[in-house]
């Protein structure tokens, strides 16, 4: 644990940001996986789950959690399956 006040604050801030980033990235992975299974099973709500997955991918890319080209690739693959 650091001794300097600003370093202590930086540790707390990093923990908070890490938790938020992990949550967004996990939600993105879950929604993409849900959309892929809906597409393979030909579910009725497959298009809705694809839209939700694309929204999550764009959110992660805008926050800098994934690269914009990675986001584009994920979206393209989802749309190709749909």
PDB file of N, CA and C in Angstrom:
ATOM      1  N   UNK A   1       0.849  -1.188   0.000  1.00  0.00           N
ATOM      2  CA  UNK A   1       0.000   0.000   0.000  1.00  0.00           C
ATOM      3  C   UNK A   1       0.888   1.242   0.000  1.00  0.00           C
ATOM      4  N   UNK A   2       0.599   2.191  -0.874  1.00  0.00           N
ATOM      5  CA  UNK A   2       1.436   3.391  -0.936  1.00  0.00           C
ATOM      6  C   UNK A   2       1.274   4.279   0.290  1.00  0.00           C
ATOM      7  N   UNK A   3       2.270   5.112   0.510  1.00  0.00           N
ATOM      8  CA  UNK A   3       2.246   6.038   1.636  1.00  0.00           C
ATOM      9  C   UNK A   3       1.776   7.429   1.239  1.00  0.00           C
ATOM     10  N   UNK A   4       1.976   7.781  -0.024  1.00  0.00           N
ATOM     11  CA  UNK A   4       1.636   9.127  -0.492  1.00  0.00           C
ATOM     12  C   UNK A   4       0.126   9.209  -0.730  1.00  0.00           C
ATOM     13  N   UNK A   5      -0.449  10.351  -0.347  1.00  0.00           N
ATOM     14  CA  UNK A   5      -1.899  10.516  -0.388  1.00  0.00           C
ATOM     15  C   UNK A   5      -2.447  10.370  -1.809  1.00  0.00           C
ATOM     16  N   UNK A   6      -1.780  10.968  -2.778  1.00  0.00           N
ATOM     17  CA  UNK A   6      -2.267  10.890  -4.159  1.00  0.00           C
ATOM     18  C   UNK A   6      -2.158   9.466  -4.703  1.00  0.00           C
ATOM     19  N   UNK A   7      -1.142   8.745  -4.286  1.00  0.00           N
ATOM     20  CA  UNK A   7      -0.973   7.362  -4.729  1.00  0.00           C
ATOM     21  C   UNK A   7      -2.055   6.465  -4.123  1.00  0.00           C
ATOM     22  N   UNK A   8      -2.434   6.744  -2.873  1.00  0.00           N
ATOM     23  CA  UNK A   8      -3.517   5.993  -2.230  1.00  0.00           C
ATOM     24  C   UNK A   8      -4.821   6.223  -2.987  1.00  0.00           C
ATOM     25  N   UNK A   9      -5.071   7.474  -3.350  1.00  0.00           N
ATOM     26  CA  UNK A   9      -6.289   7.793  -4.102  1.00  0.00           C
ATOM     27  C   UNK A   9      -6.257   7.119  -5.470  1.00  0.00           C
ATOM     28  N   UNK A  10      -5.089   7.093  -6.093  1.00  0.00           N
ATOM     29  CA  UNK A  10      -4.957   6.473  -7.415  1.00  0.00           C
ATOM     30  C   UNK A  10      -5.266   4.979  -7.325  1.00  0.00           C
ATOM     31  N   UNK A  11      -4.847   4.308  -6.261  1.00  0.00           N
ATOM     32  CA  UNK A  11      -5.139   2.885  -6.083  1.00  0.00           C
ATOM     33  C   UNK A  11      -6.641   2.666  -5.965  1.00  0.00           C
ATOM     34  N   UNK A  12      -7.300   3.514  -5.154  1.00  0.00           N
ATOM     35  CA  UNK A  12      -8.754   3.393  -5.000  1.00  0.00           C
ATOM     36  C   UNK A  12      -9.470   3.647  -6.321  1.00  0.00           C
ATOM     37  N   UNK A  13      -9.025   4.656  -7.046  1.00  0.00           N
ATOM     38  CA  UNK A  13      -9.637   4.989  -8.330  1.00  0.00           C
ATOM     39  C   UNK A  13      -9.465   3.852  -9.326  1.00  0.00           C
ATOM     40  N   UNK A  14      -8.261   3.285  -9.359  1.00  0.00           N
ATOM     41  CA  UNK A  14      -8.006   2.180 -10.280  1.00  0.00           C
ATOM     42  C   UNK A  14      -8.864   0.966  -9.970  1.00  0.00           C
ATOM     43  N   UNK A  15      -9.073   0.680  -8.699  1.00  0.00           N
ATOM     44  CA  UNK A  15      -9.929  -0.450  -8.327  1.00  0.00           C
ATOM     45  C   UNK A  15     -11.366  -0.222  -8.787  1.00  0.00           C
ATOM     46  N   UNK A  16     -11.848   1.003  -8.612  1.00  0.00           N
ATOM     47  CA  UNK A  16     -13.210   1.330  -9.032  1.00  0.00           C
ATOM     48  C   UNK A  16     -13.360   1.207 -10.541  1.00  0.00           C
ATOM     49  N   UNK A  17     -12.404   1.783 -11.274  1.00  0.00           N
ATOM     50  CA  UNK A  17     -12.456   1.729 -12.738  1.00  0.00           C
ATOM     51  C   UNK A  17     -12.329   0.299 -13.237  1.00  0.00           C
ATOM     52  N   UNK A  18     -11.474  -0.485 -12.585  1.00  0.00           N
ATOM     53  CA  UNK A  18     -11.286  -1.877 -12.981  1.00  0.00           C
ATOM     54  C   UNK A  18     -12.579  -2.658 -12.819  1.00  0.00           C
ATOM     55  N   UNK A  19     -13.286  -2.420 -11.724  1.00  0.00           N
ATOM     56  CA  UNK A  19     -14.552  -3.117 -11.493  1.00  0.00           C
ATOM     57  C   UNK A  19     -15.580  -2.727 -12.557  1.00  0.00           C
ATOM     58  N   UNK A  20     -15.648  -1.442 -12.878  1.00  0.00           N
ATOM     59  CA  UNK A  20     -16.611  -0.975 -13.884  1.00  0.00           C
ATOM     60  C   UNK A  20     -16.264  -1.537 -15.261  1.00  0.00           C
ATOM     61  N   UNK A  21     -14.972  -1.499 -15.618  1.00  0.00           N
ATOM     62  CA  UNK A  21     -14.552  -2.007 -16.922  1.00  0.00           C
ATOM     63  C   UNK A  21     -14.809  -3.507 -17.038  1.00  0.00           C
ATOM     64  N   UNK A  22     -14.550  -4.235 -15.964  1.00  0.00           N
ATOM     65  CA  UNK A  22     -14.798  -5.681 -15.977  1.00  0.00           C
ATOM     66  C   UNK A  22     -16.277  -5.974 -16.166  1.00  0.00           C
ATOM     67  N   UNK A  23     -17.123  -5.168 -15.542  1.00  0.00           N
ATOM     68  CA  UNK A  23     -18.566  -5.362 -15.665  1.00  0.00           C
ATOM     69  C   UNK A  23     -19.018  -5.130 -17.103  1.00  0.00           C
ATOM     70  N   UNK A  24     -18.550  -4.076 -17.724  1.00  0.00           N
ATOM     71  CA  UNK A  24     -18.963  -3.757 -19.096  1.00  0.00           C
ATOM     72  C   UNK A  24     -18.466  -4.819 -20.064  1.00  0.00           C
ATOM     73  N   UNK A  25     -17.220  -5.246 -19.889  1.00  0.00           N
ATOM     74  CA  UNK A  25     -16.646  -6.248 -20.787  1.00  0.00           C
ATOM     75  C   UNK A  25     -17.336  -7.595 -20.627  1.00  0.00           C
ATOM     76  N   UNK A  26     -17.661  -7.957 -19.394  1.00  0.00           N
ATOM     77  CA  UNK A  26     -18.362  -9.205 -19.141  1.00  0.00           C
ATOM     78  C   UNK A  26     -19.770  -9.179 -19.736  1.00  0.00           C
ATOM     79  N   UNK A  27     -20.441  -8.046 -19.590  1.00  0.00           N
ATOM     80  CA  UNK A  27     -21.778  -7.913 -20.161  1.00  0.00           C
ATOM     81  C   UNK A  27     -21.725  -8.014 -21.675  1.00  0.00           C
ATOM     82  N   UNK A  28     -20.673  -7.464 -22.279  1.00  0.00           N
ATOM     83  CA  UNK A  28     -20.513  -7.557 -23.725  1.00  0.00           C
ATOM     84  C   UNK A  28     -20.337  -9.010 -24.158  1.00  0.00           C
ATOM     85  N   UNK A  29     -19.455  -9.729 -23.460  1.00  0.00           N
ATOM     86  CA  UNK A  29     -19.217 -11.129 -23.816  1.00  0.00           C
ATOM     87  C   UNK A  29     -20.491 -11.957 -23.672  1.00  0.00           C
ATOM     88  N   UNK A  30     -21.221 -11.721 -22.583  1.00  0.00           N
ATOM     89  CA  UNK A  30     -22.449 -12.485 -22.341  1.00  0.00           C
ATOM     90  C   UNK A  30     -23.492 -12.216 -23.417  1.00  0.00           C
ATOM     91  N   UNK A  31     -23.652 -10.947 -23.801  1.00  0.00           N
ATOM     92  CA  UNK A  31     -24.663 -10.625 -24.793  1.00  0.00           C
ATOM     93  C   UNK A  31     -24.295 -11.168 -26.166  1.00  0.00           C
ATOM     94  N   UNK A  32     -23.004 -11.160 -26.499  1.00  0.00           N
ATOM     95  CA  UNK A  32     -22.567 -11.715 -27.781  1.00  0.00           C
ATOM     96  C   UNK A  32     -22.812 -13.221 -27.799  1.00  0.00           C
ATOM     97  N   UNK A  33     -22.499 -13.886 -26.684  1.00  0.00           N
ATOM     98  CA  UNK A  33     -22.699 -15.328 -26.608  1.00  0.00           C
ATOM     99  C   UNK A  33     -24.188 -15.673 -26.692  1.00  0.00           C
ATOM    100  N   UNK A  34     -25.014 -14.860 -26.023  1.00  0.00           N
ATOM    101  CA  UNK A  34     -26.457 -15.076 -26.055  1.00  0.00           C
ATOM    102  C   UNK A  34     -27.006 -14.891 -27.466  1.00  0.00           C
ATOM    103  N   UNK A  35     -26.505 -13.887 -28.174  1.00  0.00           N
ATOM    104  CA  UNK A  35     -26.948 -13.635 -29.544  1.00  0.00           C
ATOM    105  C   UNK A  35     -26.535 -14.778 -30.467  1.00  0.00           C
ATOM    106  N   UNK A  36     -25.311 -15.277 -30.290  1.00  0.00           N
ATOM    107  CA  UNK A  36     -24.850 -16.376 -31.141  1.00  0.00           C
ATOM    108  C   UNK A  36     -25.670 -17.638 -30.922  1.00  0.00           C
ATOM    109  N   UNK A  37     -25.989 -17.943 -29.672  1.00  0.00           N
ATOM    110  CA  UNK A  37     -26.808 -19.132 -29.417  1.00  0.00           C
ATOM    111  C   UNK A  37     -28.222 -18.939 -29.939  1.00  0.00           C
ATOM    112  N   UNK A  38     -28.749 -17.718 -29.849  1.00  0.00           N
ATOM    113  CA  UNK A  38     -30.091 -17.457 -30.377  1.00  0.00           C
ATOM    114  C   UNK A  38     -30.101 -17.622 -31.892  1.00  0.00           C
ATOM    115  N   UNK A  39     -29.034 -17.206 -32.551  1.00  0.00           N
ATOM    116  CA  UNK A  39     -28.965 -17.338 -34.006  1.00  0.00           C
ATOM    117  C   UNK A  39     -28.814 -18.796 -34.429  1.00  0.00           C
ATOM    118  N   UNK A  40     -28.031 -19.566 -33.687  1.00  0.00           N
ATOM    119  CA  UNK A  40     -27.858 -20.966 -34.068  1.00  0.00           C
ATOM    120  C   UNK A  40     -29.121 -21.779 -33.802  1.00  0.00           C
ATOM    121  N   UNK A  41     -29.902 -21.375 -32.793  1.00  0.00           N
ATOM    122  CA  UNK A  41     -31.137 -22.095 -32.475  1.00  0.00           C
ATOM    123  C   UNK A  41     -32.353 -21.558 -33.219  1.00  0.00           C
ATOM    124  N   UNK A  42     -32.153 -20.531 -34.045  1.00  0.00           N
ATOM    125  CA  UNK A  42     -33.240 -19.898 -34.807  1.00  0.00           C
ATOM    126  C   UNK A  42     -34.380 -19.455 -33.897  1.00  0.00           C
ATOM    127  N   UNK A  43     -34.031 -18.780 -32.816  1.00  0.00           N
ATOM    128  CA  UNK A  43     -35.037 -18.269 -31.888  1.00  0.00           C
ATOM    129  C   UNK A  43     -35.800 -17.102 -32.508  1.00  0.00           C
ATOM    130  N   UNK A  44     -36.984 -16.837 -31.939  1.00  0.00           N
ATOM    131  CA  UNK A  44     -37.811 -15.741 -32.435  1.00  0.00           C
ATOM    132  C   UNK A  44     -37.188 -14.384 -32.115  1.00  0.00           C
ATOM    133  N   UNK A  45     -36.569 -14.275 -30.956  1.00  0.00           N
ATOM    134  CA  UNK A  45     -36.013 -12.992 -30.535  1.00  0.00           C
ATOM    135  C   UNK A  45     -34.531 -12.868 -30.882  1.00  0.00           C
ATOM    136  N   UNK A  46     -34.089 -13.546 -31.930  1.00  0.00           N
ATOM    137  CA  UNK A  46     -32.675 -13.511 -32.307  1.00  0.00           C
ATOM    138  C   UNK A  46     -32.255 -12.117 -32.747  1.00  0.00           C
ATOM    139  N   UNK A  47     -33.127 -11.426 -33.482  1.00  0.00           N
ATOM    140  CA  UNK A  47     -32.752 -10.084 -33.959  1.00  0.00           C
ATOM    141  C   UNK A  47     -32.630  -9.101 -32.797  1.00  0.00           C
ATOM    142  N   UNK A  48     -33.498  -9.262 -31.793  1.00  0.00           N
ATOM    143  CA  UNK A  48     -33.400  -8.385 -30.619  1.00  0.00           C
ATOM    144  C   UNK A  48     -32.107  -8.630 -29.852  1.00  0.00           C
ATOM    145  N   UNK A  49     -31.736  -9.887 -29.725  1.00  0.00           N
ATOM    146  CA  UNK A  49     -30.506 -10.190 -28.999  1.00  0.00           C
ATOM    147  C   UNK A  49     -29.277  -9.738 -29.784  1.00  0.00           C
ATOM    148  N   UNK A  50     -29.352  -9.763 -31.112  1.00  0.00           N
ATOM    149  CA  UNK A  50     -28.249  -9.257 -31.934  1.00  0.00           C
ATOM    150  C   UNK A  50     -28.113  -7.754 -31.756  1.00  0.00           C
ATOM    151  N   UNK A  51     -29.235  -7.052 -31.734  1.00  0.00           N
ATOM    152  CA  UNK A  51     -29.202  -5.606 -31.519  1.00  0.00           C
ATOM    153  C   UNK A  51     -28.605  -5.273 -30.159  1.00  0.00           C
ATOM    154  N   UNK A  52     -28.989  -6.019 -29.144  1.00  0.00           N
ATOM    155  CA  UNK A  52     -28.457  -5.795 -27.800  1.00  0.00           C
ATOM    156  C   UNK A  52     -26.956  -6.075 -27.754  1.00  0.00           C
ATOM    157  N   UNK A  53     -26.530  -7.126 -28.444  1.00  0.00           N
ATOM    158  CA  UNK A  53     -25.109  -7.474 -28.466  1.00  0.00           C
ATOM    159  C   UNK A  53     -24.299  -6.392 -29.174  1.00  0.00           C
ATOM    160  N   UNK A  54     -24.817  -5.880 -30.275  1.00  0.00           N
ATOM    161  CA  UNK A  54     -24.116  -4.826 -31.004  1.00  0.00           C
ATOM    162  C   UNK A  54     -24.014  -3.575 -30.147  1.00  0.00           C
ATOM    163  N   UNK A  55     -25.058  -3.276 -29.409  1.00  0.00           N
ATOM    164  CA  UNK A  55     -25.030  -2.115 -28.517  1.00  0.00           C
ATOM    165  C   UNK A  55     -23.947  -2.280 -27.455  1.00  0.00           C
ATOM    166  N   UNK A  56     -23.844  -3.472 -26.880  1.00  0.00           N
ATOM    167  CA  UNK A  56     -22.834  -3.732 -25.855  1.00  0.00           C
ATOM    168  C   UNK A  56     -21.420  -3.653 -26.443  1.00  0.00           C
ATOM    169  N   UNK A  57     -21.251  -4.151 -27.670  1.00  0.00           N
ATOM    170  CA  UNK A  57     -19.940  -4.108 -28.316  1.00  0.00           C
ATOM    171  C   UNK A  57     -19.534  -2.665 -28.570  1.00  0.00           C
ATOM    172  N   UNK A  58     -20.466  -1.854 -29.053  1.00  0.00           N
ATOM    173  CA  UNK A  58     -20.166  -0.445 -29.303  1.00  0.00           C
ATOM    174  C   UNK A  58     -19.860   0.298 -28.009  1.00  0.00           C
ATOM    175  N   UNK A  59     -20.552  -0.048 -26.936  1.00  0.00           N
ATOM    176  CA  UNK A  59     -20.309   0.579 -25.643  1.00  0.00           C
ATOM    177  C   UNK A  59     -18.899   0.259 -25.153  1.00  0.00           C
ATOM    178  N   UNK A  60     -18.489  -0.998 -25.288  1.00  0.00           N
ATOM    179  CA  UNK A  60     -17.146  -1.395 -24.858  1.00  0.00           C
ATOM    180  C   UNK A  60     -16.079  -0.713 -25.710  1.00  0.00           C
ATOM    181  N   UNK A  61     -16.345  -0.566 -27.001  1.00  0.00           N
ATOM    182  CA  UNK A  61     -15.375   0.085 -27.882  1.00  0.00           C
ATOM    183  C   UNK A  61     -15.272   1.572 -27.567  1.00  0.00           C
ATOM    184  N   UNK A  62     -16.392   2.203 -27.247  1.00  0.00           N
ATOM    185  CA  UNK A  62     -16.365   3.634 -26.953  1.00  0.00           C
ATOM    186  C   UNK A  62     -15.635   3.915 -25.645  1.00  0.00           C
ATOM    187  N   UNK A  63     -15.665   2.966 -24.720  1.00  0.00           N
ATOM    188  CA  UNK A  63     -14.951   3.127 -23.454  1.00  0.00           C
ATOM    189  C   UNK A  63     -13.486   2.725 -23.566  1.00  0.00           C
ATOM    190  N   UNK A  64     -13.082   2.195 -24.722  1.00  0.00           N
ATOM    191  CA  UNK A  64     -11.695   1.817 -24.915  1.00  0.00           C
ATOM    192  C   UNK A  64     -11.350   0.451 -24.358  1.00  0.00           C
ATOM    193  N   UNK A  65     -12.348  -0.351 -24.048  1.00  0.00           N
ATOM    194  CA  UNK A  65     -12.085  -1.677 -23.496  1.00  0.00           C
ATOM    195  C   UNK A  65     -11.670  -2.665 -24.582  1.00  0.00           C
ATOM    196  N   UNK A  66     -12.188  -2.475 -25.777  1.00  0.00           N
ATOM    197  CA  UNK A  66     -11.763  -3.264 -26.929  1.00  0.00           C
ATOM    198  C   UNK A  66     -11.434  -2.289 -28.051  1.00  0.00           C
ATOM    199  N   UNK A  67     -10.613  -2.710 -28.968  1.00  0.00           N
ATOM    200  CA  UNK A  67     -10.214  -1.867 -30.084  1.00  0.00           C
ATOM    201  C   UNK A  67     -11.391  -1.691 -31.034  1.00  0.00           C
ATOM    202  N   UNK A  68     -11.425  -0.568 -31.740  1.00  0.00           N
ATOM    203  CA  UNK A  68     -12.558  -0.297 -32.628  1.00  0.00           C
ATOM    204  C   UNK A  68     -12.632  -1.302 -33.765  1.00  0.00           C
ATOM    205  N   UNK A  69     -11.481  -1.813 -34.226  1.00  0.00           N
ATOM    206  CA  UNK A  69     -11.511  -2.815 -35.291  1.00  0.00           C
ATOM    207  C   UNK A  69     -12.030  -4.153 -34.767  1.00  0.00           C
ATOM    208  N   UNK A  70     -11.737  -4.461 -33.513  1.00  0.00           N
ATOM    209  CA  UNK A  70     -12.271  -5.671 -32.890  1.00  0.00           C
ATOM    210  C   UNK A  70     -13.785  -5.573 -32.790  1.00  0.00           C
ATOM    211  N   UNK A  71     -14.260  -4.393 -32.427  1.00  0.00           N
ATOM    212  CA  UNK A  71     -15.702  -4.177 -32.337  1.00  0.00           C
ATOM    213  C   UNK A  71     -16.345  -4.330 -33.705  1.00  0.00           C
ATOM    214  N   UNK A  72     -15.730  -3.769 -34.719  1.00  0.00           N
ATOM    215  CA  UNK A  72     -16.262  -3.860 -36.073  1.00  0.00           C
ATOM    216  C   UNK A  72     -16.306  -5.314 -36.535  1.00  0.00           C
ATOM    217  N   UNK A  73     -15.258  -6.075 -36.197  1.00  0.00           N
ATOM    218  CA  UNK A  73     -15.213  -7.481 -36.586  1.00  0.00           C
ATOM    219  C   UNK A  73     -16.302  -8.282 -35.889  1.00  0.00           C
ATOM    220  N   UNK A  74     -16.504  -8.041 -34.591  1.00  0.00           N
ATOM    221  CA  UNK A  74     -17.540  -8.746 -33.856  1.00  0.00           C
ATOM    222  C   UNK A  74     -18.926  -8.429 -34.421  1.00  0.00           C
ATOM    223  N   UNK A  75     -19.163  -7.149 -34.709  1.00  0.00           N
ATOM    224  CA  UNK A  75     -20.460  -6.745 -35.265  1.00  0.00           C
ATOM    225  C   UNK A  75     -20.686  -7.359 -36.638  1.00  0.00           C
ATOM    226  N   UNK A  76     -19.648  -7.382 -37.459  1.00  0.00           N
ATOM    227  CA  UNK A  76     -19.771  -7.943 -38.807  1.00  0.00           C
ATOM    228  C   UNK A  76     -20.081  -9.440 -38.752  1.00  0.00           C
ATOM    229  N   UNK A  77     -19.436 -10.136 -37.827  1.00  0.00           N
ATOM    230  CA  UNK A  77     -19.677 -11.581 -37.728  1.00  0.00           C
ATOM    231  C   UNK A  77     -21.101 -11.862 -37.249  1.00  0.00           C
ATOM    232  N   UNK A  78     -21.575 -11.041 -36.311  1.00  0.00           N
ATOM    233  CA  UNK A  78     -22.956 -11.218 -35.850  1.00  0.00           C
ATOM    234  C   UNK A  78     -23.943 -10.963 -36.974  1.00  0.00           C
ATOM    235  N   UNK A  79     -23.715  -9.891 -37.709  1.00  0.00           N
ATOM    236  CA  UNK A  79     -24.636  -9.555 -38.791  1.00  0.00           C
ATOM    237  C   UNK A  79     -24.591 -10.600 -39.923  1.00  0.00           C
ATOM    238  N   UNK A  80     -23.411 -11.160 -40.143  1.00  0.00           N
ATOM    239  CA  UNK A  80     -23.284 -12.191 -41.157  1.00  0.00           C
ATOM    240  C   UNK A  80     -24.072 -13.443 -40.769  1.00  0.00           C
ATOM    241  N   UNK A  81     -24.028 -13.794 -39.477  1.00  0.00           N
ATOM    242  CA  UNK A  81     -24.804 -14.939 -38.999  1.00  0.00           C
ATOM    243  C   UNK A  81     -26.299 -14.672 -39.110  1.00  0.00           C
ATOM    244  N   UNK A  82     -26.673 -13.422 -38.849  1.00  0.00           N
ATOM    245  CA  UNK A  82     -28.100 -13.066 -38.898  1.00  0.00           C
ATOM    246  C   UNK A  82     -28.540 -13.028 -40.339  1.00  0.00           C
TER     247      UNK A  82
END
